[in-house]
Protein backbone atom coordinates (compact mmCIF):
# COMPACT_ATOMS: atom_id res chain seq x y z
CA MET A 1 0.00 0.00 0.00
CA SER A 2 1.23 3.49 -0.84
CA ASP A 3 1.16 6.46 1.52
CA LEU A 4 0.39 8.75 -1.43
CA THR A 5 -3.12 10.00 -2.08
CA TYR A 6 -4.81 10.03 -5.47
CA ALA A 7 -4.61 13.85 -5.52
CA GLU A 8 -0.88 13.70 -4.80
CA VAL A 9 -0.26 11.21 -7.60
CA SER A 10 -2.32 13.30 -10.02
CA ALA A 11 -0.27 16.37 -9.08
CA LYS A 12 3.02 14.51 -9.59
CA LEU A 13 1.89 13.40 -13.05
CA GLN A 14 0.67 16.87 -14.03
CA ALA A 15 4.00 18.38 -12.97
CA ARG A 16 5.76 16.42 -15.72
CA TRP A 17 6.07 17.42 -19.36
CA PRO A 18 2.56 17.80 -20.83
CA GLU A 19 1.49 15.26 -23.44
CA THR A 20 1.28 18.02 -26.05
CA LYS A 21 5.06 18.46 -25.85
CA MET A 22 6.76 15.99 -28.18
CA ASP A 23 10.37 14.80 -28.20
CA PRO A 24 10.68 12.24 -31.02
CA THR A 25 12.38 9.41 -29.20
CA LEU A 26 11.35 6.17 -27.51
CA ASP A 27 14.56 6.02 -25.46
CA ARG A 28 13.03 7.22 -22.18
CA VAL A 29 9.91 5.07 -22.21
CA ARG A 30 11.81 2.05 -23.56
CA ARG A 31 14.31 2.35 -20.70
CA LEU A 32 11.45 2.59 -18.20
CA THR A 33 9.62 -0.46 -19.54
CA GLU A 34 12.91 -2.41 -19.58
CA LEU A 35 13.38 -1.65 -15.88
CA LEU A 36 9.79 -2.83 -15.31
CA GLY A 37 10.48 -6.12 -17.09
CA ASP A 38 8.79 -5.14 -20.37
CA PRO A 39 5.21 -5.73 -19.17
CA GLN A 40 3.86 -4.77 -22.63
CA LYS A 41 5.35 -8.00 -24.02
CA THR A 42 3.38 -10.30 -21.71
CA TYR A 43 0.06 -10.11 -23.60
CA PRO A 44 -1.10 -9.63 -27.20
CA VAL A 45 -1.75 -6.02 -28.18
CA VAL A 46 -4.25 -4.41 -30.55
CA HIS A 47 -2.67 -1.03 -31.36
CA LEU A 48 -4.73 1.84 -32.81
CA THR A 49 -3.79 5.07 -34.54
CA GLY A 50 -5.52 7.48 -36.94
CA THR A 51 -6.87 11.02 -36.81
CA ASN A 52 -10.48 10.42 -35.72
CA GLY A 53 -12.44 7.46 -34.38
CA LYS A 54 -9.66 5.81 -32.36
CA THR A 55 -11.34 5.84 -28.95
CA SER A 56 -14.76 4.74 -30.23
CA THR A 57 -13.15 1.93 -32.23
CA ALA A 58 -11.06 0.88 -29.22
CA ARG A 59 -14.19 0.73 -27.05
CA MET A 60 -15.96 -1.42 -29.65
CA ILE A 61 -13.00 -3.81 -29.85
CA ASP A 62 -12.98 -4.01 -26.06
CA SER A 63 -16.70 -4.79 -25.90
CA LEU A 64 -16.47 -7.50 -28.58
CA LEU A 65 -13.48 -9.17 -26.94
CA ARG A 66 -15.13 -9.20 -23.52
CA GLU A 67 -18.25 -10.70 -25.07
CA ALA A 68 -15.98 -13.39 -26.55
CA GLY A 69 -14.86 -14.25 -23.01
CA LEU A 70 -11.50 -12.49 -22.83
CA ARG A 71 -10.19 -10.33 -19.99
CA THR A 72 -9.26 -6.96 -21.46
CA GLY A 73 -7.16 -3.94 -20.67
CA ARG A 74 -7.73 -0.71 -22.59
CA PHE A 75 -5.57 2.40 -22.73
CA THR A 76 -7.04 5.49 -24.42
CA SER A 77 -6.45 9.23 -24.40
CA PRO A 78 -7.21 11.94 -23.66
CA HIS A 79 -9.70 11.51 -20.85
CA LEU A 80 -13.03 13.31 -20.52
CA GLU A 81 -13.28 13.80 -16.76
CA SER A 82 -10.84 11.61 -14.81
CA VAL A 83 -7.35 10.49 -15.77
CA ARG A 84 -8.31 7.02 -14.51
CA GLU A 85 -10.54 6.64 -17.59
CA ARG A 86 -7.38 6.09 -19.61
CA ILE A 87 -6.62 2.74 -17.93
CA THR A 88 -9.51 0.27 -17.87
CA LEU A 89 -9.81 -3.38 -16.91
CA ASN A 90 -12.72 -5.31 -18.38
CA GLY A 91 -14.28 -2.06 -19.57
CA GLU A 92 -14.14 -0.20 -16.23
CA PRO A 93 -11.68 2.52 -15.20
CA ILE A 94 -9.32 1.43 -12.45
CA GLY A 95 -10.18 2.85 -9.04
CA GLU A 96 -8.29 5.60 -7.24
CA GLN A 97 -6.44 3.19 -4.94
CA GLN A 98 -5.35 0.97 -7.82
CA PHE A 99 -4.20 4.06 -9.72
CA VAL A 100 -2.10 5.15 -6.74
CA GLU A 101 -0.63 1.66 -6.34
CA ALA A 102 0.21 1.49 -10.05
CA TYR A 103 2.12 4.76 -9.75
CA ALA A 104 3.86 3.65 -6.55
CA GLU A 105 4.98 0.45 -8.27
CA ILE A 106 6.86 2.28 -11.01
CA ALA A 107 7.88 5.41 -9.03
CA PRO A 108 11.31 4.07 -7.93
CA TYR A 109 12.28 3.67 -11.57
CA LEU A 110 11.20 7.15 -12.66
CA ASP A 111 14.10 8.86 -10.90
CA VAL A 112 16.52 6.38 -12.45
CA VAL A 113 15.33 7.14 -15.97
CA ASP A 114 15.07 10.88 -15.32
CA SER A 115 18.70 10.96 -14.15
CA GLU A 116 19.94 9.03 -17.19
CA GLN A 117 18.18 10.95 -19.94
CA GLU A 118 18.56 14.45 -21.38
CA HIS A 119 14.90 15.21 -20.61
CA PRO A 120 12.76 13.72 -17.81
CA LEU A 121 9.92 11.35 -18.55
CA SER A 122 6.72 13.07 -19.71
CA PHE A 123 3.23 12.71 -18.26
CA PHE A 124 2.21 10.51 -21.18
CA GLU A 125 5.28 8.29 -21.00
CA VAL A 126 4.68 7.64 -17.30
CA ILE A 127 0.97 6.89 -17.60
CA THR A 128 1.66 4.62 -20.60
CA ALA A 129 4.08 2.59 -18.49
CA MET A 130 1.54 2.53 -15.65
CA ALA A 131 -1.07 1.07 -18.01
CA TYR A 132 1.30 -1.61 -19.31
CA ALA A 133 2.19 -2.59 -15.74
CA VAL A 134 -1.46 -2.70 -14.62
CA PHE A 135 -2.35 -4.95 -17.54
CA ALA A 136 0.51 -7.33 -16.77
CA ASP A 137 -0.41 -7.48 -13.09
CA ALA A 138 -4.12 -8.15 -13.78
CA PRO A 139 -3.27 -10.15 -15.94
CA VAL A 140 -5.21 -9.43 -19.11
CA ASP A 141 -5.73 -11.72 -22.08
CA VAL A 142 -5.35 -8.82 -24.51
CA ALA A 143 -4.61 -5.08 -24.34
CA ILE A 144 -6.23 -2.50 -26.61
CA ILE A 145 -3.85 0.43 -26.89
CA GLU A 146 -4.60 3.80 -28.49
CA VAL A 147 -1.65 5.99 -29.48
CA GLY A 148 -1.45 9.42 -27.90
CA LEU A 149 -0.11 11.28 -30.92
CA GLY A 150 1.20 10.00 -34.25
CA GLY A 151 2.62 6.50 -34.15
CA THR A 152 6.31 5.84 -34.73
CA TRP A 153 7.53 8.02 -31.86
CA ASP A 154 4.48 7.68 -29.64
CA ALA A 155 5.26 6.27 -26.20
CA THR A 156 2.80 3.42 -26.73
CA ASN A 157 4.92 2.14 -29.63
CA VAL A 158 7.26 0.21 -27.33
CA ALA A 159 4.53 -2.43 -27.67
CA ASP A 160 4.28 -4.56 -30.82
CA GLY A 161 0.72 -4.91 -32.00
CA VAL A 162 -0.41 -8.32 -33.19
CA VAL A 163 -3.08 -6.26 -34.91
CA SER A 164 -2.51 -2.63 -35.89
CA VAL A 165 -5.61 -0.56 -36.60
CA ILE A 166 -5.46 2.64 -38.63
CA THR A 167 -8.65 4.71 -38.49
CA PRO A 168 -9.22 7.48 -41.09
CA ILE A 169 -6.26 9.84 -41.45
CA ALA A 170 -6.72 13.57 -41.96
CA VAL A 171 -4.85 16.69 -40.83
CA ASP A 172 -4.59 17.37 -37.11
CA HIS A 173 -1.64 18.42 -34.93
CA ALA A 174 -0.12 19.77 -38.16
CA HIS A 175 2.67 21.60 -36.28
CA ILE A 176 3.91 18.24 -34.99
CA LEU A 177 2.85 15.56 -37.48
CA GLY A 178 2.87 17.43 -40.80
CA SER A 179 0.53 19.52 -42.88
CA ASP A 180 -0.84 16.87 -45.25
CA PRO A 181 -2.39 13.41 -44.79
CA VAL A 182 0.40 11.59 -46.66
CA THR A 183 3.11 12.94 -44.35
CA ILE A 184 0.96 12.15 -41.32
CA ALA A 185 0.33 8.63 -42.63
CA GLY A 186 4.07 8.04 -42.74
CA GLU A 187 4.33 8.79 -39.02
CA LYS A 188 1.26 6.76 -38.10
CA SER A 189 2.32 3.75 -40.20
CA GLY A 190 5.08 3.10 -37.66
CA ILE A 191 2.73 1.04 -35.49
CA ILE A 192 2.46 -1.65 -38.20
CA LYS A 193 4.82 -4.36 -37.00
CA GLN A 194 6.68 -7.37 -38.36
CA GLY A 195 4.39 -10.33 -39.04
CA GLY A 196 1.25 -8.66 -37.69
CA THR A 197 -1.99 -7.67 -39.40
CA ALA A 198 -2.84 -4.09 -40.38
CA VAL A 199 -6.57 -3.35 -40.35
CA ILE A 200 -7.01 -0.18 -42.38
CA ALA A 201 -10.19 1.90 -42.35
CA GLN A 202 -11.27 3.92 -45.40
CA GLN A 203 -8.43 6.15 -46.59
CA SER A 204 -7.58 8.28 -49.60
CA LEU A 205 -5.59 6.36 -52.21
CA ASP A 206 -2.33 8.21 -51.51
CA VAL A 207 -2.63 7.53 -47.77
CA LEU A 208 -3.46 3.87 -48.40
CA GLU A 209 -0.35 3.59 -50.57
CA VAL A 210 1.84 4.79 -47.68
CA LEU A 211 0.27 2.30 -45.26
CA GLN A 212 0.47 -0.55 -47.76
CA ARG A 213 4.15 0.19 -48.39
CA ARG A 214 4.93 -0.02 -44.69
CA ALA A 215 3.02 -3.31 -44.37
CA ASN A 216 4.97 -4.75 -47.28
CA GLN A 217 8.28 -3.66 -45.74
CA VAL A 218 7.62 -5.47 -42.46
CA GLY A 219 5.75 -8.48 -43.88
CA ALA A 220 2.40 -7.61 -42.31
CA GLN A 221 -0.90 -8.83 -43.68
CA VAL A 222 -3.39 -6.16 -44.71
CA ALA A 223 -7.17 -5.96 -44.34
CA ARG A 224 -8.66 -2.90 -46.06
CA GLU A 225 -12.11 -1.41 -45.58
CA GLY A 226 -14.00 -1.53 -48.85
CA LEU A 227 -12.07 -4.59 -50.03
CA GLU A 228 -11.57 -7.27 -47.37
CA PHE A 229 -14.25 -5.88 -45.03
CA GLY A 230 -16.82 -3.10 -44.83
CA VAL A 231 -20.32 -1.84 -44.09
CA THR A 232 -22.86 -3.35 -46.51
CA SER A 233 -25.94 -1.51 -45.24
CA ARG A 234 -27.07 0.86 -42.52
CA THR A 235 -30.44 2.25 -41.43
CA VAL A 236 -31.12 4.94 -38.85
CA ALA A 237 -32.92 3.48 -35.83
CA VAL A 238 -34.23 4.76 -32.53
CA GLY A 239 -31.21 5.25 -30.28
CA GLY A 240 -28.67 4.41 -32.95
CA GLN A 241 -28.62 2.43 -36.20
CA LEU A 242 -28.98 -1.02 -37.72
CA ILE A 243 -25.91 -2.08 -39.70
CA SER A 244 -24.77 -5.07 -41.70
CA ILE A 245 -21.06 -5.81 -42.01
CA LYS A 246 -18.97 -7.93 -44.32
CA GLY A 247 -16.28 -9.21 -41.97
CA LEU A 248 -13.06 -11.03 -42.73
CA ALA A 249 -14.62 -14.39 -41.91
CA ALA A 250 -18.38 -13.96 -42.31
CA GLU A 251 -21.31 -11.64 -43.00
CA TYR A 252 -23.08 -10.15 -40.00
CA GLU A 253 -26.61 -8.91 -40.66
CA GLU A 254 -28.86 -6.39 -38.91
CA ILE A 255 -26.64 -5.50 -35.94
CA PHE A 256 -27.96 -2.83 -33.60
CA LEU A 257 -25.31 -0.23 -32.82
CA PRO A 258 -26.46 2.21 -30.09
CA LEU A 259 -24.36 5.04 -31.53
CA HIS A 260 -25.30 7.69 -34.07
CA GLY A 261 -23.52 8.51 -37.31
CA GLU A 262 -22.26 6.89 -40.48
CA TYR A 263 -18.70 7.20 -39.19
CA GLN A 264 -19.60 5.01 -36.20
CA ALA A 265 -20.84 2.30 -38.57
CA HIS A 266 -17.42 2.39 -40.29
CA ASN A 267 -15.70 2.33 -36.89
CA ALA A 268 -17.76 -0.77 -36.08
CA ALA A 269 -16.67 -2.53 -39.27
CA THR A 270 -13.04 -1.71 -38.51
CA ALA A 271 -13.38 -2.93 -34.91
CA LEU A 272 -14.97 -6.19 -36.01
CA ALA A 273 -12.22 -6.83 -38.58
CA ALA A 274 -9.59 -6.21 -35.89
CA VAL A 275 -11.25 -8.70 -33.55
CA GLU A 276 -11.53 -11.29 -36.31
CA ALA A 277 -7.86 -10.79 -37.18
CA LEU A 278 -6.83 -11.18 -33.55
CA LEU A 279 -8.99 -14.13 -32.57
CA GLY A 280 -8.31 -15.99 -35.78
CA ALA A 281 -4.58 -15.80 -35.12
CA THR A 282 -4.43 -18.59 -32.53
CA GLU A 283 -6.02 -22.01 -32.15
CA GLN A 284 -7.13 -21.13 -28.61
CA THR A 285 -9.35 -18.24 -29.70
CA GLU A 286 -10.30 -19.21 -33.24
CA GLY A 287 -14.04 -19.52 -33.74
CA ARG A 288 -14.97 -17.19 -30.87
CA VAL A 289 -16.40 -14.53 -33.19
CA THR A 290 -20.00 -15.69 -33.62
CA ALA A 291 -23.05 -13.77 -34.75
CA GLU A 292 -24.26 -13.83 -31.14
CA VAL A 293 -20.99 -12.37 -29.86
CA VAL A 294 -21.10 -9.63 -32.49
CA GLN A 295 -24.71 -8.71 -31.74
CA ALA A 296 -24.19 -8.64 -27.97
CA GLY A 297 -20.80 -6.91 -28.13
CA PHE A 298 -22.02 -4.03 -30.24
CA ALA A 299 -25.26 -3.70 -28.26
CA GLU A 300 -23.19 -3.04 -25.12
CA THR A 301 -20.93 -0.45 -26.75
CA THR A 302 -20.88 3.06 -25.36
CA SER A 303 -18.79 6.05 -26.40
CA PRO A 304 -19.02 8.86 -23.83
CA GLY A 305 -18.53 12.32 -25.26
CA ARG A 306 -19.18 11.16 -28.82
CA MET A 307 -22.63 12.30 -29.99
CA GLU A 308 -23.80 11.62 -26.44
CA VAL A 309 -27.24 12.77 -25.31
CA VAL A 310 -26.67 14.05 -21.77
CA ARG A 311 -29.98 15.82 -21.15
CA THR A 312 -33.51 16.12 -22.52
CA GLY A 313 -35.95 19.02 -22.40
CA PRO A 314 -34.28 20.57 -24.37
CA THR A 315 -31.99 17.86 -25.68
CA VAL A 316 -28.29 18.50 -25.09
CA ILE A 317 -25.66 16.55 -27.03
CA VAL A 318 -21.97 16.51 -26.16
CA ASP A 319 -19.38 15.69 -28.83
CA ALA A 320 -15.58 15.75 -28.65
CA ALA A 321 -14.90 16.60 -32.32
CA HIS A 322 -11.92 18.96 -32.39
CA ASN A 323 -10.77 19.16 -36.02
CA PRO A 324 -12.55 19.84 -39.33
CA HIS A 325 -12.73 16.15 -40.32
CA GLY A 326 -14.40 15.26 -37.02
CA ALA A 327 -16.65 18.33 -37.06
CA GLU A 328 -17.89 17.51 -40.56
CA ALA A 329 -18.80 13.99 -39.41
CA THR A 330 -20.60 15.37 -36.36
CA ALA A 331 -22.53 17.92 -38.45
CA ALA A 332 -23.62 15.20 -40.88
CA THR A 333 -24.73 12.99 -37.99
CA MET A 334 -26.74 15.79 -36.39
CA SER A 335 -28.60 16.33 -39.67
CA GLU A 336 -29.25 12.61 -40.09
CA ALA A 337 -30.23 11.57 -36.57
CA PHE A 338 -31.94 14.66 -35.14
CA ALA A 339 -34.40 17.31 -36.30
CA PHE A 340 -33.76 20.24 -33.98
CA ASN A 341 -35.24 23.60 -34.88
CA PRO A 342 -33.30 25.54 -33.80
CA LEU A 343 -29.94 23.92 -33.03
CA ILE A 344 -27.83 26.10 -30.74
CA GLY A 345 -24.11 25.43 -30.61
CA VAL A 346 -21.73 25.81 -27.68
CA ILE A 347 -18.15 25.75 -28.95
CA GLY A 348 -14.85 25.92 -27.08
CA VAL A 349 -11.64 25.07 -28.93
CA MET A 350 -7.90 24.80 -28.39
CA LYS A 351 -5.98 27.67 -29.94
CA ASP A 352 -3.63 25.39 -31.92
CA LYS A 353 -6.50 23.85 -33.94
CA ASP A 354 -7.95 24.72 -37.36
CA VAL A 355 -10.66 26.90 -35.83
CA TYR A 356 -12.02 28.21 -39.13
CA GLY A 357 -12.41 24.66 -40.44
CA VAL A 358 -14.32 23.55 -37.33
CA LEU A 359 -16.65 26.56 -37.39
CA GLU A 360 -17.30 26.24 -41.12
CA ALA A 361 -18.40 22.64 -40.62
CA TYR A 362 -21.05 23.73 -38.11
CA GLU A 363 -22.26 26.95 -39.75
CA PRO A 364 -24.92 25.30 -41.96
CA ILE A 365 -26.59 23.47 -39.07
CA MET A 366 -26.42 25.91 -36.15
CA GLU A 367 -28.91 28.77 -35.82
CA THR A 368 -26.74 30.49 -33.19
CA VAL A 369 -23.32 29.66 -31.77
CA VAL A 370 -22.36 30.49 -28.18
CA VAL A 371 -18.56 30.64 -28.07
CA THR A 372 -16.74 29.95 -24.82
CA ARG A 373 -13.55 28.41 -23.50
CA ASN A 374 -12.66 25.46 -21.30
CA SER A 375 -10.40 25.57 -18.25
CA PHE A 376 -7.18 24.56 -20.03
CA GLU A 377 -4.49 27.14 -20.67
CA ARG A 378 -4.30 26.08 -24.35
CA SER A 379 -7.96 26.92 -24.97
CA MET A 380 -8.67 29.92 -27.19
CA PRO A 381 -10.06 32.95 -25.33
CA ALA A 382 -13.79 33.32 -25.95
CA GLU A 383 -13.44 36.86 -27.26
CA GLU A 384 -10.88 35.76 -29.87
CA LEU A 385 -13.03 32.80 -30.87
CA GLY A 386 -16.01 35.15 -31.10
CA GLU A 387 -14.21 37.33 -33.64
CA ILE A 388 -13.47 34.33 -35.85
CA ALA A 389 -17.01 32.98 -35.42
CA ALA A 390 -18.45 36.34 -36.49
CA GLU A 391 -16.53 36.02 -39.78
CA VAL A 392 -18.03 32.57 -40.39
CA PHE A 393 -21.56 32.92 -38.93
CA GLY A 394 -22.12 36.69 -39.02
CA GLU A 395 -22.16 38.82 -35.87
CA ASP A 396 -25.90 38.44 -35.30
CA ARG A 397 -25.54 34.66 -34.88
CA VAL A 398 -22.69 34.73 -32.34
CA VAL A 399 -22.89 35.10 -28.55
CA VAL A 400 -19.72 35.30 -26.43
CA LYS A 401 -19.76 33.75 -22.94
CA PRO A 402 -16.25 33.27 -21.48
CA HIS A 403 -17.36 30.73 -18.84
CA LEU A 404 -18.64 27.33 -19.97
CA VAL A 405 -21.44 27.14 -17.41
CA ASP A 406 -22.77 30.53 -18.59
CA ALA A 407 -22.47 29.44 -22.22
CA ILE A 408 -24.53 26.31 -21.54
CA ASP A 409 -27.17 28.29 -19.67
CA GLU A 410 -27.43 30.78 -22.55
CA ALA A 411 -27.70 27.98 -25.13
CA LEU A 412 -30.46 26.29 -23.14
CA ARG A 413 -32.31 29.60 -22.89
CA LEU A 414 -32.05 30.21 -26.64
CA ALA A 415 -33.08 26.64 -27.50
CA GLU A 416 -36.16 26.85 -25.29
CA GLN A 417 -37.06 30.37 -26.36
CA ASP A 418 -36.80 29.77 -30.08
CA ALA A 419 -38.39 26.32 -29.90
CA ILE A 420 -41.69 28.03 -29.09
CA ALA A 421 -41.62 29.66 -32.52
CA PHE A 422 -39.85 27.02 -34.61
CA GLY A 423 -40.37 23.56 -33.10
CA SER A 424 -38.05 21.43 -30.97
CA GLY A 425 -34.80 23.11 -29.94
CA GLY A 426 -31.53 21.34 -29.16
CA VAL A 427 -28.01 22.15 -28.01
CA LEU A 428 -24.72 20.73 -29.31
CA ILE A 429 -21.64 21.28 -27.10
CA THR A 430 -18.42 20.60 -29.00
CA GLY A 431 -15.02 21.84 -30.20
CA SER A 432 -12.65 19.97 -27.88
CA VAL A 433 -12.35 16.80 -25.81
CA ILE A 434 -11.78 19.03 -22.78
CA THR A 435 -14.88 21.11 -23.52
CA ALA A 436 -16.93 17.92 -23.91
CA GLY A 437 -15.56 16.48 -20.67
CA GLU A 438 -16.19 19.62 -18.64
CA ALA A 439 -19.72 19.88 -20.05
CA ARG A 440 -20.41 16.26 -19.08
CA LYS A 441 -19.24 16.99 -15.57
CA LEU A 442 -21.75 19.83 -15.35
CA LEU A 443 -24.66 17.98 -16.94
CA VAL A 444 -24.35 14.24 -16.16
CA ARG A 445 -25.26 13.12 -12.68
CA LYS A 446 -23.50 9.91 -11.73
CA PRO A 447 -23.77 7.68 -8.66
CA LYS A 448 -20.78 7.86 -6.33
CA GLU A 449 -18.12 5.40 -7.41
CA ALA A 450 -16.58 3.04 -4.93
CA ASN A 451 -12.90 3.75 -4.20
CA ARG A 452 -11.68 0.49 -5.64
């Protein structure tokens, strides 16, 4: 047992290099995992990268594997509300005490690595090692690991994925990864490993060529959406959609997916192909992917902060889209799944994002946008965002509220007021994972969690 508290551990982690600061080397995290006995090599890994859809796809893979009877560990980022969300066992975040113990277990080695290296270990490198150690201690049958940023130099890449999943690639973090999808694909392709299987979601042809080249270089098999697997049909349904998928091994008809949006159907197809590739790789697990497992696994899938209805009367939806590609998918989903009149937006973004691109995606569907900011230092000041929004929406459609709680209150007021004249009003809160998480904290009432 550690004498540290959860708050003290959180503070120690936050005092390290932020995860937005990149130093392209695996030396520090590789040295740390070596000192820990390379826990990431004690279980098979499904490794995910891409620009959008990683966390939702990871959660679907997790749900399917648990339904197939496997004990899972899942590492995703960033978190919505609590850093513990990043490390889950069998679909549940580890408790505060387990989080503290995981940190205490690796703490003696942090000073060793810090003293040996030019730069100390970052927040993300430490929490990645914590996750790998937790999964080894559990132990898990399989770990589902989402990269933090990029691929080749991401701290998670000290693990070798039996299956590497590449969700759609677009431009994000351009100042770090590159300004075009082909350059970004080169960085992300680094998670495709020798002798594994690369499951590749829909990509542009030039991006696919980069990923295919990497797979050929390392002798990895390739499964491509639209060729080896894909969505064959989808219909909007109450609370989600009905989809049919051509998998790698079979056809799966009329699956209920309790998530909105065409992009989630494609995420589901990618997740299913990844599970088929993994479970078909060994005699012990082959044959575990049945129609019943697929139906039940998808039915249990949740994706907090992704087109999530958090309140009714008026309806409030929270979505973590934070780049133009994600915002366009969210806007399309809003038009398909809901009929709000008016739709009021609440938007808070990080200042290093393509703000114009995000706002332009939402302009056609939002009657009014209430611009705000979240609590992070990197968030764009509301006044500055308001000036940009006025260029996109026009000044008469923009309201500036620097505090998120005030922005939400104003959006609710506008939705209710205008609904009297136009119909059924709704609110969409979006622009950043942090904005989505802080909105959830304000709007979602949860039972007290046991301190596991």
